[in-house]
N, C-alpha and C. Protein backbone atom coordinates (compact mmCIF):
# COMPACT_ATOMS: atom_id res chain seq x y z
N ALA A 1 0.85 -1.20 0.00
CA ALA A 1 0.00 0.00 0.00
C ALA A 1 0.88 1.24 0.00
N GLY A 2 0.34 2.31 -0.55
CA GLY A 2 1.11 3.53 -0.68
C GLY A 2 0.96 4.50 0.48
N ARG A 3 0.04 4.24 1.39
CA ARG A 3 -0.18 5.18 2.49
C ARG A 3 0.77 4.92 3.65
N VAL A 4 1.18 6.01 4.30
CA VAL A 4 1.96 5.89 5.53
C VAL A 4 1.11 6.29 6.73
N MET A 5 -0.07 6.85 6.47
CA MET A 5 -1.03 7.13 7.54
C MET A 5 -2.45 7.04 6.96
N SER A 6 -3.38 6.68 7.81
CA SER A 6 -4.77 6.54 7.37
C SER A 6 -5.38 7.91 7.08
N ARG A 7 -6.53 7.91 6.42
CA ARG A 7 -7.23 9.17 6.14
C ARG A 7 -7.54 9.91 7.44
N THR A 8 -8.03 9.18 8.44
CA THR A 8 -8.38 9.81 9.72
C THR A 8 -7.14 10.30 10.43
N GLU A 9 -6.07 9.55 10.39
CA GLU A 9 -4.81 9.97 11.02
C GLU A 9 -4.31 11.26 10.38
N ALA A 10 -4.42 11.37 9.08
CA ALA A 10 -3.95 12.56 8.37
C ALA A 10 -4.86 13.77 8.62
N ALA A 11 -6.16 13.60 8.42
CA ALA A 11 -7.10 14.73 8.45
C ALA A 11 -7.77 14.95 9.80
N GLY A 12 -7.76 13.94 10.65
CA GLY A 12 -8.45 14.05 11.93
C GLY A 12 -9.89 13.57 11.81
N LYS A 13 -10.59 13.69 12.92
CA LYS A 13 -11.97 13.23 12.97
C LYS A 13 -12.86 14.39 13.37
N ARG A 14 -13.96 14.56 12.61
CA ARG A 14 -14.92 15.63 12.88
C ARG A 14 -16.32 15.05 13.07
N ASN A 15 -17.12 15.77 13.83
CA ASN A 15 -18.53 15.43 13.96
C ASN A 15 -19.19 15.81 12.64
N ARG A 16 -19.81 14.86 11.96
CA ARG A 16 -20.39 15.13 10.63
C ARG A 16 -21.51 16.15 10.67
N LYS A 17 -22.25 16.19 11.77
CA LYS A 17 -23.39 17.11 11.86
C LYS A 17 -22.95 18.53 12.20
N THR A 18 -22.04 18.67 13.15
CA THR A 18 -21.66 20.00 13.63
C THR A 18 -20.36 20.53 13.05
N GLY A 19 -19.53 19.63 12.51
CA GLY A 19 -18.22 20.04 12.01
C GLY A 19 -17.18 20.20 13.10
N GLU A 20 -17.59 19.96 14.35
CA GLU A 20 -16.68 20.08 15.49
C GLU A 20 -15.54 19.07 15.37
N ILE A 21 -14.33 19.53 15.67
CA ILE A 21 -13.16 18.66 15.63
C ILE A 21 -13.16 17.76 16.86
N ILE A 22 -13.24 16.47 16.63
CA ILE A 22 -13.20 15.49 17.71
C ILE A 22 -11.75 15.15 18.03
N LYS A 23 -10.97 14.94 16.97
CA LYS A 23 -9.55 14.63 17.12
C LYS A 23 -8.81 15.28 15.96
N PRO A 24 -7.86 16.17 16.24
CA PRO A 24 -7.13 16.81 15.14
C PRO A 24 -6.24 15.80 14.41
N GLY A 25 -6.01 16.07 13.14
CA GLY A 25 -5.15 15.21 12.34
C GLY A 25 -3.69 15.62 12.45
N LYS A 26 -2.83 14.82 11.86
CA LYS A 26 -1.39 15.11 11.86
C LYS A 26 -1.00 16.09 10.77
N VAL A 27 -1.90 16.32 9.81
CA VAL A 27 -1.61 17.22 8.68
C VAL A 27 -2.56 18.41 8.77
N ASN A 28 -2.03 19.61 8.56
CA ASN A 28 -2.90 20.78 8.49
C ASN A 28 -2.78 21.41 7.09
N THR A 29 -3.69 22.31 6.81
CA THR A 29 -3.75 22.91 5.48
C THR A 29 -2.45 23.61 5.11
N GLU A 30 -1.87 24.34 6.06
CA GLU A 30 -0.63 25.06 5.78
C GLU A 30 0.49 24.11 5.40
N MET A 31 0.61 22.98 6.11
CA MET A 31 1.64 21.98 5.79
C MET A 31 1.47 21.47 4.38
N MET A 32 0.23 21.11 4.04
CA MET A 32 -0.04 20.54 2.73
C MET A 32 0.25 21.54 1.62
N LEU A 33 -0.25 22.77 1.77
CA LEU A 33 -0.05 23.77 0.72
C LEU A 33 1.42 24.16 0.58
N GLU A 34 2.15 24.20 1.69
CA GLU A 34 3.59 24.51 1.62
C GLU A 34 4.33 23.42 0.84
N TRP A 35 4.01 22.16 1.11
CA TRP A 35 4.66 21.04 0.41
C TRP A 35 4.38 21.13 -1.08
N LEU A 36 3.11 21.34 -1.44
CA LEU A 36 2.74 21.43 -2.86
C LEU A 36 3.40 22.62 -3.53
N ASN A 37 3.43 23.76 -2.85
CA ASN A 37 4.06 24.96 -3.40
C ASN A 37 5.55 24.74 -3.63
N ASN A 38 6.22 24.10 -2.68
CA ASN A 38 7.66 23.82 -2.82
C ASN A 38 7.95 22.90 -4.00
N LYS A 39 7.01 22.03 -4.33
CA LYS A 39 7.17 21.11 -5.46
C LYS A 39 6.65 21.71 -6.76
N GLY A 40 6.01 22.89 -6.68
CA GLY A 40 5.48 23.53 -7.88
C GLY A 40 4.22 22.86 -8.42
N VAL A 41 3.43 22.27 -7.53
CA VAL A 41 2.22 21.56 -7.94
C VAL A 41 0.99 22.36 -7.53
N GLY A 42 0.08 22.58 -8.47
CA GLY A 42 -1.18 23.26 -8.16
C GLY A 42 -2.21 22.26 -7.69
N LEU A 43 -3.10 22.69 -6.81
CA LEU A 43 -4.15 21.82 -6.28
C LEU A 43 -5.50 22.48 -6.44
N ARG A 44 -6.46 21.74 -6.95
CA ARG A 44 -7.85 22.17 -7.03
C ARG A 44 -8.67 21.12 -6.29
N GLY A 45 -9.37 21.53 -5.25
CA GLY A 45 -10.15 20.59 -4.45
C GLY A 45 -9.23 19.84 -3.51
N GLY A 46 -9.58 18.63 -3.19
CA GLY A 46 -8.75 17.80 -2.32
C GLY A 46 -8.89 18.17 -0.86
N GLY A 47 -8.61 17.23 -0.01
CA GLY A 47 -8.68 17.43 1.43
C GLY A 47 -7.41 16.94 2.09
N LEU A 48 -7.31 17.16 3.39
CA LEU A 48 -6.12 16.76 4.13
C LEU A 48 -5.90 15.25 4.12
N ASP A 49 -6.98 14.50 3.96
CA ASP A 49 -6.84 13.04 3.93
C ASP A 49 -6.09 12.54 2.71
N GLU A 50 -5.96 13.40 1.68
CA GLU A 50 -5.22 13.04 0.47
C GLU A 50 -3.91 13.81 0.35
N SER A 51 -3.47 14.39 1.44
CA SER A 51 -2.22 15.16 1.44
C SER A 51 -1.03 14.29 1.04
N PRO A 52 -0.04 14.86 0.39
CA PRO A 52 1.18 14.10 0.08
C PRO A 52 1.84 13.53 1.33
N HIS A 53 1.60 14.15 2.49
CA HIS A 53 2.18 13.65 3.74
C HIS A 53 1.67 12.26 4.09
N ALA A 54 0.51 11.88 3.56
CA ALA A 54 -0.11 10.60 3.89
C ALA A 54 0.40 9.44 3.03
N TYR A 55 1.26 9.74 2.05
CA TYR A 55 1.71 8.72 1.10
C TYR A 55 3.21 8.51 1.14
N ARG A 56 3.63 7.29 0.77
CA ARG A 56 5.05 6.99 0.63
C ARG A 56 5.61 7.80 -0.54
N ARG A 57 6.88 8.11 -0.46
CA ARG A 57 7.55 8.84 -1.54
C ARG A 57 7.77 7.89 -2.72
N LEU A 58 7.63 8.42 -3.91
CA LEU A 58 7.75 7.62 -5.13
C LEU A 58 9.07 6.86 -5.23
N PRO A 59 10.22 7.48 -4.93
CA PRO A 59 11.47 6.70 -5.01
C PRO A 59 11.47 5.46 -4.11
N ASP A 60 10.83 5.56 -2.95
CA ASP A 60 10.74 4.41 -2.05
C ASP A 60 9.86 3.31 -2.65
N VAL A 61 8.75 3.71 -3.26
CA VAL A 61 7.85 2.74 -3.89
C VAL A 61 8.55 2.05 -5.06
N LEU A 62 9.20 2.83 -5.90
CA LEU A 62 9.91 2.25 -7.05
C LEU A 62 11.04 1.35 -6.61
N SER A 63 11.75 1.74 -5.58
CA SER A 63 12.85 0.93 -5.06
C SER A 63 12.34 -0.42 -4.55
N ALA A 64 11.20 -0.40 -3.87
CA ALA A 64 10.64 -1.64 -3.34
C ALA A 64 10.22 -2.60 -4.46
N GLN A 65 9.95 -2.06 -5.64
CA GLN A 65 9.52 -2.88 -6.78
C GLN A 65 10.63 -3.11 -7.80
N SER A 66 11.84 -2.70 -7.49
CA SER A 66 12.93 -2.68 -8.47
C SER A 66 13.24 -4.05 -9.09
N SER A 67 12.99 -5.11 -8.37
CA SER A 67 13.28 -6.44 -8.94
C SER A 67 12.19 -6.91 -9.91
N THR A 68 11.07 -6.21 -9.94
CA THR A 68 9.96 -6.65 -10.80
C THR A 68 9.61 -5.68 -11.92
N ILE A 69 10.21 -4.49 -11.90
CA ILE A 69 9.88 -3.49 -12.93
C ILE A 69 11.13 -2.81 -13.46
N GLU A 70 10.98 -2.22 -14.62
CA GLU A 70 12.03 -1.36 -15.18
C GLU A 70 11.37 -0.01 -15.43
N VAL A 71 11.84 1.00 -14.74
CA VAL A 71 11.26 2.34 -14.86
C VAL A 71 11.84 3.01 -16.10
N LEU A 72 10.96 3.35 -17.03
CA LEU A 72 11.38 4.02 -18.25
C LEU A 72 11.24 5.53 -18.14
N HIS A 73 10.18 5.97 -17.49
CA HIS A 73 9.91 7.40 -17.34
C HIS A 73 9.25 7.64 -15.99
N THR A 74 9.48 8.78 -15.42
CA THR A 74 8.80 9.19 -14.20
C THR A 74 8.09 10.50 -14.48
N LEU A 75 6.79 10.52 -14.26
CA LEU A 75 6.00 11.73 -14.51
C LEU A 75 5.98 12.60 -13.26
N ARG A 76 5.93 13.90 -13.47
CA ARG A 76 5.86 14.85 -12.37
C ARG A 76 4.57 15.64 -12.53
N PRO A 77 3.69 15.63 -11.51
CA PRO A 77 2.43 16.34 -11.65
C PRO A 77 2.62 17.85 -11.66
N LEU A 78 1.83 18.53 -12.48
CA LEU A 78 1.81 19.98 -12.51
C LEU A 78 0.62 20.51 -11.73
N ILE A 79 -0.48 19.75 -11.79
CA ILE A 79 -1.70 20.12 -11.08
C ILE A 79 -2.44 18.85 -10.70
N VAL A 80 -3.11 18.90 -9.56
CA VAL A 80 -3.91 17.78 -9.08
C VAL A 80 -5.33 18.31 -8.88
N VAL A 81 -6.31 17.61 -9.44
CA VAL A 81 -7.71 18.02 -9.33
C VAL A 81 -8.50 16.90 -8.66
N MET A 82 -9.17 17.23 -7.56
CA MET A 82 -9.97 16.26 -6.80
C MET A 82 -11.27 16.92 -6.38
N ALA A 83 -12.19 16.10 -5.91
CA ALA A 83 -13.41 16.64 -5.31
C ALA A 83 -13.01 17.44 -4.08
N GLY A 84 -13.65 18.57 -3.87
CA GLY A 84 -13.37 19.40 -2.71
C GLY A 84 -13.84 18.74 -1.42
N ALA A 85 -13.39 19.26 -0.30
CA ALA A 85 -13.74 18.70 1.01
C ALA A 85 -15.25 18.72 1.25
N ASN A 86 -15.95 19.68 0.67
CA ASN A 86 -17.40 19.81 0.88
C ASN A 86 -18.23 19.15 -0.21
N GLU A 87 -17.59 18.40 -1.09
CA GLU A 87 -18.29 17.75 -2.19
C GLU A 87 -18.42 16.26 -1.93
N PHE A 88 -19.53 15.69 -2.34
CA PHE A 88 -19.72 14.25 -2.20
C PHE A 88 -18.88 13.53 -3.25
N ASP A 89 -18.08 12.58 -2.79
CA ASP A 89 -17.25 11.79 -3.69
C ASP A 89 -17.63 10.32 -3.51
N PRO A 90 -18.40 9.75 -4.43
CA PRO A 90 -18.85 8.36 -4.27
C PRO A 90 -17.72 7.34 -4.34
N TYR A 91 -16.54 7.74 -4.80
CA TYR A 91 -15.42 6.81 -4.94
C TYR A 91 -14.49 6.82 -3.74
N LYS A 92 -14.73 7.73 -2.80
CA LYS A 92 -13.87 7.82 -1.62
C LYS A 92 -14.28 6.72 -0.64
N ASP A 93 -13.31 5.99 -0.15
CA ASP A 93 -13.64 4.90 0.77
C ASP A 93 -13.79 5.38 2.18
């Protein structure tokens, strides 16, 4: 798996009805936006549960698979577009 922390661990837990923070997450908006800005990646939508902080780094993933794959090209994202935090996403687990 590519995650190093769960969605709840990253974003925290909120009361769905009131929006009250029950347990804060390990990632905040400033952290996420700073990371994306430093990498030159634009973000539209998305929430803290999908922050880059919640995922393994690509070189680590590729290294773990090095005996089974040959990397020909590595793509670098310029922009990431996701459903916003206030939008219903039927594909989110």
